Protein backbone atom coordinates (compact mmCIF):
# COMPACT_ATOMS: atom_id res chain seq x y z
CA MET A 1 11.12 5.27 19.71
CA SER A 2 8.20 3.94 17.69
CA ALA A 3 5.78 6.01 15.65
CA PRO A 4 2.31 6.70 17.05
CA ALA A 5 -0.26 4.13 15.91
CA PRO A 6 -3.68 5.72 16.44
CA LEU A 7 -5.33 3.17 14.11
CA ALA A 8 -3.82 0.07 15.78
CA GLY A 9 -6.46 -2.63 15.90
CA ILE A 10 -8.34 -1.30 12.85
CA ALA A 11 -8.66 -3.81 10.00
CA VAL A 12 -8.79 -2.43 6.45
CA VAL A 13 -9.49 -4.36 3.26
CA GLU A 14 -8.28 -2.50 0.18
CA PHE A 15 -9.60 -3.00 -3.37
CA THR A 16 -7.56 -0.37 -5.20
CA HIS A 17 -5.31 0.36 -8.11
CA MET A 18 -3.20 3.18 -9.57
CA VAL A 19 -2.30 6.06 -7.23
CA MET A 20 -5.23 7.40 -5.22
CA GLY A 21 -6.39 4.08 -3.74
CA PRO A 22 -3.01 2.67 -2.73
CA THR A 23 -2.09 6.06 -1.23
CA VAL A 24 -5.09 5.93 1.11
CA GLY A 25 -4.17 2.42 2.23
CA HIS A 26 -0.54 3.51 2.66
CA ILE A 27 -1.60 6.35 4.96
CA LEU A 28 -3.90 4.07 6.99
CA ALA A 29 -1.12 1.48 7.36
CA GLY A 30 1.29 4.21 8.41
CA LEU A 31 -1.15 5.18 11.15
CA GLY A 32 -1.15 1.61 12.46
CA ALA A 33 -4.10 -0.04 10.69
CA GLU A 34 -3.76 -3.61 9.46
CA VAL A 35 -4.30 -3.27 5.71
CA VAL A 36 -4.96 -6.27 3.46
CA ARG A 37 -4.68 -5.33 -0.20
CA VAL A 38 -6.65 -7.49 -2.64
CA GLU A 39 -4.81 -7.92 -5.93
CA PRO A 40 -5.74 -9.82 -9.09
CA ILE A 41 -4.25 -13.24 -9.75
CA GLY A 42 -0.64 -12.67 -10.77
CA GLY A 43 -0.38 -9.52 -8.66
CA ASP A 44 -0.91 -5.86 -9.37
CA GLN A 45 0.60 -4.74 -12.69
CA THR A 46 2.53 -1.99 -10.90
CA ARG A 47 4.71 -4.67 -9.28
CA ARG A 48 6.41 -5.02 -12.67
CA LEU A 49 7.01 -1.37 -13.55
CA LEU A 50 10.51 -0.58 -14.77
CA GLY A 51 12.59 2.57 -15.02
CA SER A 52 11.17 5.59 -13.21
CA GLY A 53 8.12 3.52 -12.13
CA ALA A 54 10.16 0.76 -10.47
CA GLY A 55 9.71 2.12 -6.95
CA TYR A 56 5.99 2.75 -7.24
CA PHE A 57 4.67 -0.54 -5.83
CA PRO A 58 7.00 -0.82 -2.82
CA MET A 59 6.50 2.85 -1.96
CA TYR A 60 2.69 2.83 -1.90
CA ASN A 61 2.19 -0.68 -0.55
CA ARG A 62 4.74 -1.00 2.23
CA GLY A 63 3.25 -1.94 5.56
CA LYS A 64 0.36 -3.80 3.91
CA GLN A 65 -0.41 -7.46 3.45
CA SER A 66 -1.46 -8.62 -0.01
CA ILE A 67 -3.62 -11.45 -1.26
CA CYS A 68 -4.32 -12.37 -4.89
CA LEU A 69 -7.93 -13.29 -5.58
CA ASP A 70 -9.94 -14.05 -8.69
CA LEU A 71 -12.99 -11.92 -7.92
CA LYS A 72 -14.80 -13.43 -10.90
CA SER A 73 -14.79 -16.86 -9.24
CA GLU A 74 -17.02 -17.95 -6.38
CA ALA A 75 -14.00 -19.10 -4.36
CA GLY A 76 -12.29 -15.72 -4.72
CA LEU A 77 -15.48 -13.87 -3.84
CA ALA A 78 -15.95 -16.07 -0.76
CA VAL A 79 -12.50 -15.10 0.53
CA ALA A 80 -13.20 -11.42 -0.24
CA ARG A 81 -16.50 -11.62 1.66
CA ASP A 82 -14.71 -13.18 4.65
CA LEU A 83 -12.17 -10.34 4.63
CA ILE A 84 -14.97 -7.77 4.45
CA ALA A 85 -16.93 -9.42 7.25
CA ALA A 86 -13.91 -9.08 9.56
CA ALA A 87 -12.91 -5.56 8.45
CA ASP A 88 -13.61 -2.21 10.02
CA VAL A 89 -12.96 -0.28 6.80
CA LEU A 90 -13.18 -1.09 3.08
CA VAL A 91 -11.38 1.18 0.60
CA GLU A 92 -12.02 0.94 -3.15
CA ASN A 93 -11.35 3.12 -6.17
CA PHE A 94 -12.65 1.24 -9.17
CA ARG A 95 -15.09 2.56 -11.75
CA PRO A 96 -18.57 3.28 -10.43
CA GLY A 97 -20.53 0.02 -10.18
CA ALA A 98 -17.52 -2.31 -10.55
CA LEU A 99 -17.79 -3.79 -7.06
CA ASP A 100 -21.60 -3.73 -7.25
CA ARG A 101 -21.42 -6.06 -10.26
CA LEU A 102 -19.31 -8.45 -8.19
CA GLY A 103 -21.76 -8.38 -5.30
CA LEU A 104 -19.32 -6.32 -3.20
CA GLY A 105 -21.04 -2.94 -3.38
CA TYR A 106 -21.98 -0.86 -0.37
CA ASP A 107 -25.44 -2.37 0.14
CA ALA A 108 -24.19 -5.98 0.11
CA CYS A 109 -21.21 -5.23 2.33
CA ALA A 110 -23.23 -3.16 4.82
CA ALA A 111 -25.77 -5.96 5.09
CA ALA A 112 -22.98 -8.45 5.88
CA ASN A 113 -21.06 -6.08 8.17
CA PRO A 114 -23.22 -3.19 9.48
CA ARG A 115 -20.29 -1.52 11.27
CA LEU A 116 -18.17 -1.38 8.08
CA ILE A 117 -16.96 2.02 6.91
CA TYR A 118 -17.09 1.84 3.08
CA CYS A 119 -14.79 4.36 1.39
CA SER A 120 -15.35 4.73 -2.33
CA GLU A 121 -12.79 7.04 -3.95
CA LYS A 122 -13.56 8.34 -7.42
CA GLY A 123 -11.06 10.55 -9.19
CA PHE A 124 -12.51 11.19 -12.63
CA LEU A 125 -16.27 11.38 -12.73
CA PRO A 126 -18.44 13.38 -15.12
CA GLY A 127 -19.08 16.86 -13.78
CA PRO A 128 -21.73 19.51 -14.32
């Protein structure tokens, strides 16, 4: 018996790090979405955790595909833009403005892919 896959056919591109972002992608992949995780050249640092952190990367990134891109190069940005153009959902959890500075903020992505759902997760922002 296979698990239900209500998100089968949904393409997600994930620009995340630490816990919150990869967890969202993990849940979406578990529900059947095709998740492509964009990592820096050399891979996410959590791939190399030791001791009690050794299981972190495989736990939160199973069921996903990964690609390493240099988002500060035009070639890397071109591949990222192609992924975004084909995606249904983009998930990111970097500091406010980080993807904007790369030309991958909401306005640029929505212009290239008007049907894109852009999920921007922010865990620690200044409050009132």
